[in-house]
C-alpha cells in the first residue's frame, strides 16, 4: 500500500521560535500552527521534543486534510522557580510532515477519532515515513515582568483528578502530565484539524494574554482529560487487584500441592526405612535356605552314587546253579 505522495513544501509550520514568557506559579501555553495549501493531498504530522518531561504537547500526531489547518498546543507547567536554562534554553521541537496517498487518506477518513490516532501512531512507528519533512522549532524563555501571585503554603494542592480552579495562578497540574507527549486531541476541544491558522500577530504570549473563553475552554478540556485519566487509573487498579487475587489463589493451590508431595515423600521414606530394617534378616534366612538346599543336594547325590555302586556289584557277582535234590531213593 502506497502511503507517500510527492511533497512540494505545501505545509509550513509557524512560528519558528516558541517564546515562553515565564512567571512563577503560572502555566504558559504556546501554539504551533500550519495550513495545508494543497487542494488534493492530505498530510500527517508528528511533533517531537528534546525535553519531553518539561512540555505537554497536544496532539503529538495528527492529519491535515487538503486546504485545512492544524494547531498543536504546547504547555509549560507551573513553575515554582525559574528554570536553570532561563538565559540559554537549548530545547527544540521537531515537526515531521509526511504526505499521504489518496487511498490511505480515504481509509483514515472512514475511521473514528481514536482508531485514526491509533493508525497514525502505528504509521509513524514504521519505516515508511523515514523520508518525512522535518521542521525545527527553537524554544526561548523570557521573564514575565508582571507580579506573580504566591502559592498558598497552608492549603494542600488540589487532587490531580479534581477539577482545576478557574484562576490560572492557583491551577496545579500534576507533573506526570508533562512527560512524553501522548496521542490526544487539542486542549481547546476543537477537532484535530483545528481552525484556520493565524500567522503573525501576537506570537510568544503567555496565558496572561488569552481571553476568558480560551481559559475556560482549556480548563474544561483539562477536566475531561483528568477524568479520563482517573477512569484509566481506576480500571488499571481493578485489573491489578484481580491479577493479585488470581496470583494469591494460584499460590494457595501450589502450596496445597507442595504439602501433598511432601506427605507422599514422608510415606515413601518410611516404607524404604522399613524395608531396609528387614533386609538383614531376610538375607540371613535366604543364606540358611541356600545352605540347607546345598546339603540336601549333596546328600541325595551321595545316596544316588551308593545305590549305583550296589547295583553294579549285584550285576557283576557270579550266579550259582540251583541245587537239585533227588528224593527217589529215599522213597525206595
C-alpha atoms as a PDB file:
ATOM      1  CA  UNK A   1       0.000   0.000   0.000  1.00  0.00           C
ATOM      2  CA  UNK A   2       1.483   3.328  -1.102  1.00  0.00           C
ATOM      3  CA  UNK A   3       1.473   5.994   1.605  1.00  0.00           C
ATOM      4  CA  UNK A   4       3.694   8.760   0.255  1.00  0.00           C
ATOM      5  CA  UNK A   5       2.998  11.377  -2.400  1.00  0.00           C
ATOM      6  CA  UNK A   6       5.460  13.899  -3.780  1.00  0.00           C
ATOM      7  CA  UNK A   7       5.870  16.840  -1.381  1.00  0.00           C
ATOM      8  CA  UNK A   8       6.172  20.374  -2.750  1.00  0.00           C
ATOM      9  CA  UNK A   9       6.548  22.274   0.525  1.00  0.00           C
ATOM     10  CA  UNK A  10       2.812  22.869   0.822  1.00  0.00           C
ATOM     11  CA  UNK A  11       2.872  22.758   4.653  1.00  0.00           C
ATOM     12  CA  UNK A  12       4.742  25.412   6.658  1.00  0.00           C
ATOM     13  CA  UNK A  13       4.825  25.444  10.442  1.00  0.00           C
ATOM     14  CA  UNK A  14       4.919  28.706  12.384  1.00  0.00           C
ATOM     15  CA  UNK A  15       6.329  30.282  14.454  1.00  0.00           C
ATOM     16  CA  UNK A  16       9.982  29.288  14.004  1.00  0.00           C
ATOM     17  CA  UNK A  17      10.615  30.078  17.693  1.00  0.00           C
ATOM     18  CA  UNK A  18       8.334  29.271  20.622  1.00  0.00           C
ATOM     19  CA  UNK A  19       8.819  32.006  23.199  1.00  0.00           C
ATOM     20  CA  UNK A  20       7.535  31.189  26.683  1.00  0.00           C
ATOM     21  CA  UNK A  21       7.026  34.173  28.945  1.00  0.00           C
ATOM     22  CA  UNK A  22       7.689  32.586  32.322  1.00  0.00           C
ATOM     23  CA  UNK A  23       6.076  33.781  35.511  1.00  0.00           C
ATOM     24  CA  UNK A  24       6.176  31.855  38.745  1.00  0.00           C
ATOM     25  CA  UNK A  25       3.031  29.915  39.629  1.00  0.00           C
ATOM     26  CA  UNK A  26       1.589  30.204  36.130  1.00  0.00           C
ATOM     27  CA  UNK A  27       1.025  27.777  33.274  1.00  0.00           C
ATOM     28  CA  UNK A  28       2.327  29.083  29.957  1.00  0.00           C
ATOM     29  CA  UNK A  29       0.780  27.996  26.669  1.00  0.00           C
ATOM     30  CA  UNK A  30       2.020  28.420  23.098  1.00  0.00           C
ATOM     31  CA  UNK A  31       0.724  27.132  19.769  1.00  0.00           C
ATOM     32  CA  UNK A  32       2.266  25.705  16.620  1.00  0.00           C
ATOM     33  CA  UNK A  33       0.151  26.311  13.529  1.00  0.00           C
ATOM     34  CA  UNK A  34       0.245  25.081   9.953  1.00  0.00           C
ATOM     35  CA  UNK A  35      -2.012  25.060   6.936  1.00  0.00           C
ATOM     36  CA  UNK A  36      -2.207  22.507   4.141  1.00  0.00           C
ATOM     37  CA  UNK A  37      -2.120  24.582   0.964  1.00  0.00           C
ATOM     38  CA  UNK A  38      -2.650  21.537  -1.233  1.00  0.00           C
ATOM     39  CA  UNK A  39      -6.051  21.007  -2.772  1.00  0.00           C
ATOM     40  CA  UNK A  40      -5.679  17.242  -3.197  1.00  0.00           C
ATOM     41  CA  UNK A  41      -3.041  15.846  -0.804  1.00  0.00           C
ATOM     42  CA  UNK A  42      -3.534  15.101   2.891  1.00  0.00           C
ATOM     43  CA  UNK A  43      -0.575  15.330   5.272  1.00  0.00           C
ATOM     44  CA  UNK A  44       0.125  13.637   8.558  1.00  0.00           C
ATOM     45  CA  UNK A  45       2.381  15.213  11.176  1.00  0.00           C
ATOM     46  CA  UNK A  46       4.180  14.223  14.350  1.00  0.00           C
ATOM     47  CA  UNK A  47       5.713  16.503  16.998  1.00  0.00           C
ATOM     48  CA  UNK A  48       8.897  15.545  18.871  1.00  0.00           C
ATOM     49  CA  UNK A  49      10.861  17.415  21.525  1.00  0.00           C
ATOM     50  CA  UNK A  50      14.297  17.082  23.063  1.00  0.00           C
ATOM     51  CA  UNK A  51      12.824  17.566  26.556  1.00  0.00           C
ATOM     52  CA  UNK A  52       9.549  15.583  26.775  1.00  0.00           C
ATOM     53  CA  UNK A  53       9.438  15.774  30.588  1.00  0.00           C
ATOM     54  CA  UNK A  54       9.141  19.559  30.510  1.00  0.00           C
ATOM     55  CA  UNK A  55       6.420  20.113  27.924  1.00  0.00           C
ATOM     56  CA  UNK A  56       2.910  18.864  27.277  1.00  0.00           C
ATOM     57  CA  UNK A  57       2.108  18.566  23.554  1.00  0.00           C
ATOM     58  CA  UNK A  58      -1.429  18.066  22.243  1.00  0.00           C
ATOM     59  CA  UNK A  59      -1.864  16.483  19.813  1.00  0.00           C
ATOM     60  CA  UNK A  60       1.527  14.999  19.057  1.00  0.00           C
ATOM     61  CA  UNK A  61       0.233  13.230  15.924  1.00  0.00           C
ATOM     62  CA  UNK A  62      -2.486  14.288  13.536  1.00  0.00           C
ATOM     63  CA  UNK A  63      -3.572  14.743   9.948  1.00  0.00           C
ATOM     64  CA  UNK A  64      -4.284  17.825   7.811  1.00  0.00           C
ATOM     65  CA  UNK A  65      -6.813  17.352   5.059  1.00  0.00           C
ATOM     66  CA  UNK A  66      -6.438  19.333   1.807  1.00  0.00           C
ATOM     67  CA  UNK A  67      -6.996  23.046   2.358  1.00  0.00           C
ATOM     68  CA  UNK A  68      -7.362  22.723   6.136  1.00  0.00           C
ATOM     69  CA  UNK A  69      -5.150  23.737   9.046  1.00  0.00           C
ATOM     70  CA  UNK A  70      -3.797  22.193  12.231  1.00  0.00           C
ATOM     71  CA  UNK A  71      -2.892  23.601  15.610  1.00  0.00           C
ATOM     72  CA  UNK A  72      -0.627  21.996  18.218  1.00  0.00           C
ATOM     73  CA  UNK A  73      -0.783  23.273  21.790  1.00  0.00           C
ATOM     74  CA  UNK A  74       2.456  23.281  23.781  1.00  0.00           C
ATOM     75  CA  UNK A  75       2.188  23.840  27.525  1.00  0.00           C
ATOM     76  CA  UNK A  76       4.880  24.651  30.044  1.00  0.00           C
ATOM     77  CA  UNK A  77       3.762  23.554  33.514  1.00  0.00           C
ATOM     78  CA  UNK A  78       3.503  25.689  36.582  1.00  0.00           C
ATOM     79  CA  UNK A  79       6.945  26.881  37.674  1.00  0.00           C
ATOM     80  CA  UNK A  80       7.811  27.352  41.347  1.00  0.00           C
ATOM     81  CA  UNK A  81      11.252  28.672  40.446  1.00  0.00           C
ATOM     82  CA  UNK A  82      12.955  29.964  37.329  1.00  0.00           C
ATOM     83  CA  UNK A  83      14.430  27.280  35.037  1.00  0.00           C
ATOM     84  CA  UNK A  84      18.221  26.916  35.257  1.00  0.00           C
ATOM     85  CA  UNK A  85      18.463  27.380  31.474  1.00  0.00           C
ATOM     86  CA  UNK A  86      16.457  30.590  31.535  1.00  0.00           C
ATOM     87  CA  UNK A  87      19.054  32.558  29.569  1.00  0.00           C
ATOM     88  CA  UNK A  88      20.206  29.822  27.170  1.00  0.00           C
ATOM     89  CA  UNK A  89      17.384  27.405  26.519  1.00  0.00           C
ATOM     90  CA  UNK A  90      18.518  24.548  24.277  1.00  0.00           C
ATOM     91  CA  UNK A  91      15.138  22.833  23.997  1.00  0.00           C
ATOM     92  CA  UNK A  92      13.944  22.162  20.463  1.00  0.00           C
ATOM     93  CA  UNK A  93      10.895  20.775  18.727  1.00  0.00           C
ATOM     94  CA  UNK A  94      10.783  18.792  15.504  1.00  0.00           C
ATOM     95  CA  UNK A  95       7.627  18.680  13.414  1.00  0.00           C
ATOM     96  CA  UNK A  96       7.687  15.792  10.932  1.00  0.00           C
ATOM     97  CA  UNK A  97       5.313  16.163   7.984  1.00  0.00           C
ATOM     98  CA  UNK A  98       4.513  13.339   5.582  1.00  0.00           C
ATOM     99  CA  UNK A  99       2.155  13.369   2.561  1.00  0.00           C
ATOM    100  CA  UNK A 100      -0.401  10.572   2.270  1.00  0.00           C
ATOM    101  CA  UNK A 101      -1.706   8.848  -0.810  1.00  0.00           C
ATOM    102  CA  UNK A 102      -5.407   9.412  -1.618  1.00  0.00           C
ATOM    103  CA  UNK A 103      -6.184   5.748  -0.918  1.00  0.00           C
ATOM    104  CA  UNK A 104      -4.682   5.813   2.577  1.00  0.00           C
ATOM    105  CA  UNK A 105      -6.254   9.207   3.313  1.00  0.00           C
ATOM    106  CA  UNK A 106      -9.667   7.773   2.387  1.00  0.00           C
ATOM    107  CA  UNK A 107      -9.073   4.877   4.781  1.00  0.00           C
ATOM    108  CA  UNK A 108      -8.233   7.298   7.598  1.00  0.00           C
ATOM    109  CA  UNK A 109     -11.292   9.403   6.835  1.00  0.00           C
ATOM    110  CA  UNK A 110     -13.542   6.380   7.431  1.00  0.00           C
ATOM    111  CA  UNK A 111     -12.094   5.690  10.899  1.00  0.00           C
ATOM    112  CA  UNK A 112     -13.281   7.081  14.215  1.00  0.00           C
ATOM    113  CA  UNK A 113     -11.104   9.560  16.109  1.00  0.00           C
ATOM    114  CA  UNK A 114      -9.464   7.010  18.425  1.00  0.00           C
ATOM    115  CA  UNK A 115      -8.949   4.485  15.623  1.00  0.00           C
ATOM    116  CA  UNK A 116      -7.423   7.243  13.473  1.00  0.00           C
ATOM    117  CA  UNK A 117      -4.960   8.178  16.231  1.00  0.00           C
ATOM    118  CA  UNK A 118      -4.011   4.511  16.634  1.00  0.00           C
ATOM    119  CA  UNK A 119      -3.479   4.126  12.878  1.00  0.00           C
ATOM    120  CA  UNK A 120      -1.337   7.281  12.742  1.00  0.00           C
ATOM    121  CA  UNK A 121       0.738   6.142  15.718  1.00  0.00           C
ATOM    122  CA  UNK A 122       1.384   2.810  14.011  1.00  0.00           C
ATOM    123  CA  UNK A 123       2.239   4.614  10.775  1.00  0.00           C
ATOM    124  CA  UNK A 124       4.836   6.818  12.465  1.00  0.00           C
ATOM    125  CA  UNK A 125       6.316   3.774  14.171  1.00  0.00           C
ATOM    126  CA  UNK A 126       7.165   2.135  10.835  1.00  0.00           C
ATOM    127  CA  UNK A 127       9.810   2.636   8.186  1.00  0.00           C
ATOM    128  CA  UNK A 128       7.507   4.064   5.522  1.00  0.00           C
ATOM    129  CA  UNK A 129       7.762   7.611   6.965  1.00  0.00           C
ATOM    130  CA  UNK A 130      11.547   7.786   7.140  1.00  0.00           C
ATOM    131  CA  UNK A 131      11.565  10.419   4.359  1.00  0.00           C
ATOM    132  CA  UNK A 132       9.258  12.820   6.209  1.00  0.00           C
ATOM    133  CA  UNK A 133       9.923  16.553   6.004  1.00  0.00           C
ATOM    134  CA  UNK A 134      11.425  17.977   9.205  1.00  0.00           C
ATOM    135  CA  UNK A 135      10.735  21.491  10.539  1.00  0.00           C
ATOM    136  CA  UNK A 136      12.828  22.534  13.542  1.00  0.00           C
ATOM    137  CA  UNK A 137      11.329  24.877  16.121  1.00  0.00           C
ATOM    138  CA  UNK A 138      13.523  26.511  18.762  1.00  0.00           C
ATOM    139  CA  UNK A 139      12.423  27.474  22.276  1.00  0.00           C
ATOM    140  CA  UNK A 140      13.253  30.585  24.220  1.00  0.00           C
ATOM    141  CA  UNK A 141      12.360  31.814  27.692  1.00  0.00           C
ATOM    142  CA  UNK A 142      11.545  35.358  28.721  1.00  0.00           C
ATOM    143  CA  UNK A 143      10.784  36.651  32.185  1.00  0.00           C
ATOM    144  CA  UNK A 144       7.301  37.995  32.798  1.00  0.00           C
ATOM    145  CA  UNK A 145       7.610  41.465  34.321  1.00  0.00           C
ATOM    146  CA  UNK A 146       4.155  41.305  35.889  1.00  0.00           C
ATOM    147  CA  UNK A 147       3.879  40.404  39.569  1.00  0.00           C
ATOM    148  CA  UNK A 148       3.495  36.682  40.179  1.00  0.00           C
ATOM    149  CA  UNK A 149       0.949  35.511  42.681  1.00  0.00           C
ATOM    150  CA  UNK A 150       2.409  33.459  45.577  1.00  0.00           C
ATOM    151  CA  UNK A 151       1.492  29.843  46.127  1.00  0.00           C
ATOM    152  CA  UNK A 152      -0.562  29.443  49.336  1.00  0.00           C
ATOM    153  CA  UNK A 153       1.504  27.221  51.612  1.00  0.00           C
ATOM    154  CA  UNK A 154      -1.209  26.495  54.169  1.00  0.00           C
ATOM    155  CA  UNK A 155      -3.605  24.872  51.722  1.00  0.00           C
ATOM    156  CA  UNK A 156      -2.948  21.450  50.260  1.00  0.00           C
ATOM    157  CA  UNK A 157      -2.764  21.297  46.450  1.00  0.00           C
ATOM    158  CA  UNK A 158      -5.893  20.018  44.735  1.00  0.00           C
ATOM    159  CA  UNK A 159      -6.121  16.380  43.742  1.00  0.00           C
ATOM    160  CA  UNK A 160      -4.900  15.637  40.202  1.00  0.00           C
ATOM    161  CA  UNK A 161      -8.316  14.117  39.481  1.00  0.00           C
ATOM    162  CA  UNK A 162     -10.400  17.051  40.771  1.00  0.00           C
ATOM    163  CA  UNK A 163     -11.447  19.974  38.530  1.00  0.00           C
ATOM    164  CA  UNK A 164      -8.948  22.803  38.451  1.00  0.00           C
ATOM    165  CA  UNK A 165      -9.990  26.271  39.696  1.00  0.00           C
ATOM    166  CA  UNK A 166     -10.819  28.952  37.177  1.00  0.00           C
ATOM    167  CA  UNK A 167      -7.940  31.168  38.308  1.00  0.00           C
ATOM    168  CA  UNK A 168      -4.835  30.113  36.331  1.00  0.00           C
ATOM    169  CA  UNK A 169      -2.496  31.299  39.108  1.00  0.00           C
ATOM    170  CA  UNK A 170      -3.810  28.676  41.550  1.00  0.00           C
ATOM    171  CA  UNK A 171      -4.062  25.891  38.993  1.00  0.00           C
ATOM    172  CA  UNK A 172      -1.952  22.907  39.896  1.00  0.00           C
ATOM    173  CA  UNK A 173      -1.106  20.489  37.136  1.00  0.00           C
ATOM    174  CA  UNK A 174       0.390  17.055  38.070  1.00  0.00           C
ATOM    175  CA  UNK A 175       3.974  16.653  36.975  1.00  0.00           C
ATOM    176  CA  UNK A 176       3.089  13.305  35.457  1.00  0.00           C
ATOM    177  CA  UNK A 177       1.099  15.119  32.763  1.00  0.00           C
ATOM    178  CA  UNK A 178       4.214  16.704  31.303  1.00  0.00           C
ATOM    179  CA  UNK A 179       6.035  13.595  30.168  1.00  0.00           C
ATOM    180  CA  UNK A 180       6.399  12.123  26.692  1.00  0.00           C
ATOM    181  CA  UNK A 181       3.545  13.541  24.601  1.00  0.00           C
ATOM    182  CA  UNK A 182       0.650  11.148  24.051  1.00  0.00           C
ATOM    183  CA  UNK A 183      -1.795  10.899  21.157  1.00  0.00           C
ATOM    184  CA  UNK A 184      -4.674  13.093  22.345  1.00  0.00           C
ATOM    185  CA  UNK A 185      -6.855  15.813  20.966  1.00  0.00           C
ATOM    186  CA  UNK A 186      -6.160  19.539  21.197  1.00  0.00           C
ATOM    187  CA  UNK A 187      -6.526  21.276  24.538  1.00  0.00           C
ATOM    188  CA  UNK A 188      -9.156  23.708  23.321  1.00  0.00           C
ATOM    189  CA  UNK A 189     -11.572  20.883  22.450  1.00  0.00           C
ATOM    190  CA  UNK A 190     -11.659  21.626  18.681  1.00  0.00           C
ATOM    191  CA  UNK A 191     -11.271  18.831  16.106  1.00  0.00           C
ATOM    192  CA  UNK A 192      -7.788  17.551  15.391  1.00  0.00           C
ATOM    193  CA  UNK A 193      -7.565  19.702  12.273  1.00  0.00           C
ATOM    194  CA  UNK A 194      -8.187  22.858  14.304  1.00  0.00           C
ATOM    195  CA  UNK A 195      -9.334  26.226  12.996  1.00  0.00           C
ATOM    196  CA  UNK A 196      -7.569  28.156  10.211  1.00  0.00           C
ATOM    197  CA  UNK A 197      -4.104  29.213  11.360  1.00  0.00           C
ATOM    198  CA  UNK A 198      -3.351  32.762  12.405  1.00  0.00           C
ATOM    199  CA  UNK A 199       0.138  33.633  11.224  1.00  0.00           C
ATOM    200  CA  UNK A 200       1.903  36.670  12.606  1.00  0.00           C
ATOM    201  CA  UNK A 201       0.251  38.817  15.208  1.00  0.00           C
ATOM    202  CA  UNK A 202       0.795  38.222  18.922  1.00  0.00           C
ATOM    203  CA  UNK A 203       3.337  35.427  18.970  1.00  0.00           C
ATOM    204  CA  UNK A 204       5.045  34.257  22.134  1.00  0.00           C
ATOM    205  CA  UNK A 205       2.335  35.371  24.578  1.00  0.00           C
ATOM    206  CA  UNK A 206       1.632  33.629  27.859  1.00  0.00           C
ATOM    207  CA  UNK A 207      -1.690  32.643  29.336  1.00  0.00           C
ATOM    208  CA  UNK A 208      -1.920  36.095  30.896  1.00  0.00           C
ATOM    209  CA  UNK A 209      -2.960  37.450  27.490  1.00  0.00           C
ATOM    210  CA  UNK A 210      -5.563  34.892  26.475  1.00  0.00           C
ATOM    211  CA  UNK A 211      -9.259  35.536  26.711  1.00  0.00           C
ATOM    212  CA  UNK A 212     -11.528  34.166  29.416  1.00  0.00           C
ATOM    213  CA  UNK A 213     -13.229  31.939  26.861  1.00  0.00           C
ATOM    214  CA  UNK A 214      -9.968  30.266  25.928  1.00  0.00           C
ATOM    215  CA  UNK A 215      -9.106  29.774  29.605  1.00  0.00           C
ATOM    216  CA  UNK A 216     -12.489  28.207  30.277  1.00  0.00           C
ATOM    217  CA  UNK A 217     -12.152  26.010  27.198  1.00  0.00           C
ATOM    218  CA  UNK A 218      -8.708  24.832  28.273  1.00  0.00           C
ATOM    219  CA  UNK A 219      -9.886  24.189  31.827  1.00  0.00           C
ATOM    220  CA  UNK A 220     -12.861  22.193  30.549  1.00  0.00           C
ATOM    221  CA  UNK A 221     -10.565  20.156  28.334  1.00  0.00           C
ATOM    222  CA  UNK A 222      -8.218  19.638  31.290  1.00  0.00           C
ATOM    223  CA  UNK A 223     -11.095  18.405  33.423  1.00  0.00           C
ATOM    224  CA  UNK A 224     -12.172  15.970  30.712  1.00  0.00           C
ATOM    225  CA  UNK A 225      -8.618  14.709  30.295  1.00  0.00           C
ATOM    226  CA  UNK A 226      -8.173  14.294  34.038  1.00  0.00           C
ATOM    227  CA  UNK A 227     -11.475  12.430  34.277  1.00  0.00           C
ATOM    228  CA  UNK A 228     -10.310  10.084  31.518  1.00  0.00           C
ATOM    229  CA  UNK A 229      -7.039   9.571  33.371  1.00  0.00           C
ATOM    230  CA  UNK A 230      -8.936   8.873  36.595  1.00  0.00           C
ATOM    231  CA  UNK A 231     -11.059   6.263  34.839  1.00  0.00           C
ATOM    232  CA  UNK A 232      -7.978   4.709  33.271  1.00  0.00           C
ATOM    233  CA  UNK A 233      -6.221   4.570  36.650  1.00  0.00           C
ATOM    234  CA  UNK A 234      -9.314   3.042  38.266  1.00  0.00           C
ATOM    235  CA  UNK A 235      -9.504   0.436  35.524  1.00  0.00           C
ATOM    236  CA  UNK A 236      -5.823  -0.387  35.928  1.00  0.00           C
ATOM    237  CA  UNK A 237      -6.276  -0.639  39.700  1.00  0.00           C
ATOM    238  CA  UNK A 238      -9.152  -3.102  39.286  1.00  0.00           C
ATOM    239  CA  UNK A 239      -7.113  -5.151  36.833  1.00  0.00           C
ATOM    240  CA  UNK A 240      -4.148  -5.196  39.205  1.00  0.00           C
ATOM    241  CA  UNK A 241      -6.336  -6.237  42.135  1.00  0.00           C
ATOM    242  CA  UNK A 242      -7.902  -9.028  40.080  1.00  0.00           C
ATOM    243  CA  UNK A 243      -4.462 -10.192  38.972  1.00  0.00           C
ATOM    244  CA  UNK A 244      -3.286 -10.116  42.602  1.00  0.00           C
ATOM    245  CA  UNK A 245      -6.251 -12.227  43.724  1.00  0.00           C
ATOM    246  CA  UNK A 246      -5.582 -14.726  40.937  1.00  0.00           C
ATOM    247  CA  UNK A 247      -1.925 -14.841  41.957  1.00  0.00           C
ATOM    248  CA  UNK A 248      -2.867 -15.459  45.590  1.00  0.00           C
ATOM    249  CA  UNK A 249      -5.247 -18.256  44.578  1.00  0.00           C
ATOM    250  CA  UNK A 250      -2.511 -19.810  42.449  1.00  0.00           C
ATOM    251  CA  UNK A 251      -0.089 -19.541  45.375  1.00  0.00           C
ATOM    252  CA  UNK A 252      -2.519 -21.318  47.695  1.00  0.00           C
ATOM    253  CA  UNK A 253      -3.040 -24.076  45.129  1.00  0.00           C
ATOM    254  CA  UNK A 254       0.705 -24.543  44.715  1.00  0.00           C
ATOM    255  CA  UNK A 255       1.173 -24.687  48.490  1.00  0.00           C
ATOM    256  CA  UNK A 256      -1.500 -27.399  48.782  1.00  0.00           C
ATOM    257  CA  UNK A 257       0.180 -29.423  46.038  1.00  0.00           C
ATOM    258  CA  UNK A 258       3.559 -28.988  47.705  1.00  0.00           C
ATOM    259  CA  UNK A 259       2.195 -30.233  51.031  1.00  0.00           C
ATOM    260  CA  UNK A 260       0.681 -33.292  49.299  1.00  0.00           C
ATOM    261  CA  UNK A 261       4.019 -34.078  47.629  1.00  0.00           C
ATOM    262  CA  UNK A 262       5.842 -33.717  50.948  1.00  0.00           C
ATOM    263  CA  UNK A 263       3.374 -36.123  52.600  1.00  0.00           C
ATOM    264  CA  UNK A 264       3.929 -38.698  49.841  1.00  0.00           C
ATOM    265  CA  UNK A 265       7.681 -38.321  50.278  1.00  0.00           C
ATOM    266  CA  UNK A 266       7.423 -38.984  54.027  1.00  0.00           C
ATOM    267  CA  UNK A 267       5.337 -42.143  53.462  1.00  0.00           C
ATOM    268  CA  UNK A 268       7.754 -43.419  50.833  1.00  0.00           C
ATOM    269  CA  UNK A 269      10.722 -42.704  53.105  1.00  0.00           C
ATOM    270  CA  UNK A 270       9.098 -44.678  55.942  1.00  0.00           C
ATOM    271  CA  UNK A 271       8.473 -47.643  53.631  1.00  0.00           C
ATOM    272  CA  UNK A 272      12.071 -47.584  52.454  1.00  0.00           C
ATOM    273  CA  UNK A 273      13.349 -47.459  56.033  1.00  0.00           C
ATOM    274  CA  UNK A 274      11.126 -50.408  56.976  1.00  0.00           C
ATOM    275  CA  UNK A 275      12.362 -52.448  54.037  1.00  0.00           C
ATOM    276  CA  UNK A 276      15.934 -51.538  54.909  1.00  0.00           C
ATOM    277  CA  UNK A 277      15.463 -52.761  58.501  1.00  0.00           C
ATOM    278  CA  UNK A 278      14.054 -56.117  57.284  1.00  0.00           C
ATOM    279  CA  UNK A 279      16.744 -56.681  54.704  1.00  0.00           C
ATOM    280  CA  UNK A 280      19.459 -58.275  57.002  1.00  0.00           C
ATOM    281  CA  UNK A 281      17.059 -60.892  58.461  1.00  0.00           C
ATOM    282  CA  UNK A 282      15.763 -61.719  55.020  1.00  0.00           C
ATOM    283  CA  UNK A 283      19.306 -62.073  53.727  1.00  0.00           C
ATOM    284  CA  UNK A 284      20.279 -64.426  56.586  1.00  0.00           C
ATOM    285  CA  UNK A 285      17.179 -66.555  56.014  1.00  0.00           C
ATOM    286  CA  UNK A 286      17.959 -66.811  52.350  1.00  0.00           C
ATOM    287  CA  UNK A 287      21.562 -67.835  53.102  1.00  0.00           C
ATOM    288  CA  UNK A 288      20.363 -70.570  55.502  1.00  0.00           C
ATOM    289  CA  UNK A 289      17.899 -71.931  52.968  1.00  0.00           C
ATOM    290  CA  UNK A 290      20.571 -71.959  50.296  1.00  0.00           C
ATOM    291  CA  UNK A 291      22.981 -73.863  52.580  1.00  0.00           C
ATOM    292  CA  UNK A 292      20.297 -76.400  53.524  1.00  0.00           C
ATOM    293  CA  UNK A 293      19.417 -76.922  49.903  1.00  0.00           C
ATOM    294  CA  UNK A 294      23.099 -77.463  49.105  1.00  0.00           C
ATOM    295  CA  UNK A 295      23.408 -80.080  51.876  1.00  0.00           C
ATOM    296  CA  UNK A 296      20.303 -81.871  50.674  1.00  0.00           C
ATOM    297  CA  UNK A 297      21.598 -81.934  47.129  1.00  0.00           C
ATOM    298  CA  UNK A 298      24.967 -83.301  48.311  1.00  0.00           C
ATOM    299  CA  UNK A 299      23.218 -85.975  50.394  1.00  0.00           C
ATOM    300  CA  UNK A 300      20.982 -87.022  47.549  1.00  0.00           C
ATOM    301  CA  UNK A 301      23.975 -87.177  45.276  1.00  0.00           C
ATOM    302  CA  UNK A 302      25.839 -89.430  47.716  1.00  0.00           C
ATOM    303  CA  UNK A 303      22.855 -91.765  48.092  1.00  0.00           C
ATOM    304  CA  UNK A 304      22.471 -91.984  44.354  1.00  0.00           C
ATOM    305  CA  UNK A 305      26.133 -92.892  43.934  1.00  0.00           C
ATOM    306  CA  UNK A 306      25.861 -95.550  46.649  1.00  0.00           C
ATOM    307  CA  UNK A 307      22.814 -97.116  45.026  1.00  0.00           C
ATOM    308  CA  UNK A 308      24.501 -97.157  41.663  1.00  0.00           C
ATOM    309  CA  UNK A 309      27.513 -98.904  43.162  1.00  0.00           C
ATOM    310  CA  UNK A 310      25.338-101.554  44.806  1.00  0.00           C
ATOM    311  CA  UNK A 311      23.544-102.143  41.565  1.00  0.00           C
ATOM    312  CA  UNK A 312      26.805-102.558  39.718  1.00  0.00           C
ATOM    313  CA  UNK A 313      28.157-105.048  42.268  1.00  0.00           C
ATOM    314  CA  UNK A 314      24.980-107.064  42.148  1.00  0.00           C
ATOM    315  CA  UNK A 315      25.155-107.344  38.401  1.00  0.00           C
ATOM    316  CA  UNK A 316      28.822-108.394  38.373  1.00  0.00           C
ATOM    317  CA  UNK A 317      28.566-111.245  41.025  1.00  0.00           C
ATOM    318  CA  UNK A 318      28.516-114.994  39.576  1.00  0.00           C
ATOM    319  CA  UNK A 319      25.293-116.858  39.805  1.00  0.00           C
ATOM    320  CA  UNK A 320      25.286-120.415  41.439  1.00  0.00           C
ATOM    321  CA  UNK A 321      23.367-123.352  39.858  1.00  0.00           C
ATOM    322  CA  UNK A 322      20.264-124.354  41.687  1.00  0.00           C
ATOM    323  CA  UNK A 323      20.605-127.439  43.930  1.00  0.00           C
ATOM    324  CA  UNK A 324      18.518-130.427  42.738  1.00  0.00           C
ATOM    325  CA  UNK A 325      17.775-132.992  45.428  1.00  0.00           C
ATOM    326  CA  UNK A 326      16.979-136.489  44.289  1.00  0.00           C
ATOM    327  CA  UNK A 327      14.311-137.825  46.572  1.00  0.00           C
ATOM    328  CA  UNK A 328      13.658-141.090  44.688  1.00  0.00           C
ATOM    329  CA  UNK A 329      15.984-143.235  46.710  1.00  0.00           C
ATOM    330  CA  UNK A 330      14.514-142.226  49.920  1.00  0.00           C
ATOM    331  CA  UNK A 331      11.191-143.384  48.763  1.00  0.00           C
ATOM    332  CA  UNK A 332      12.536-146.811  47.957  1.00  0.00           C
END
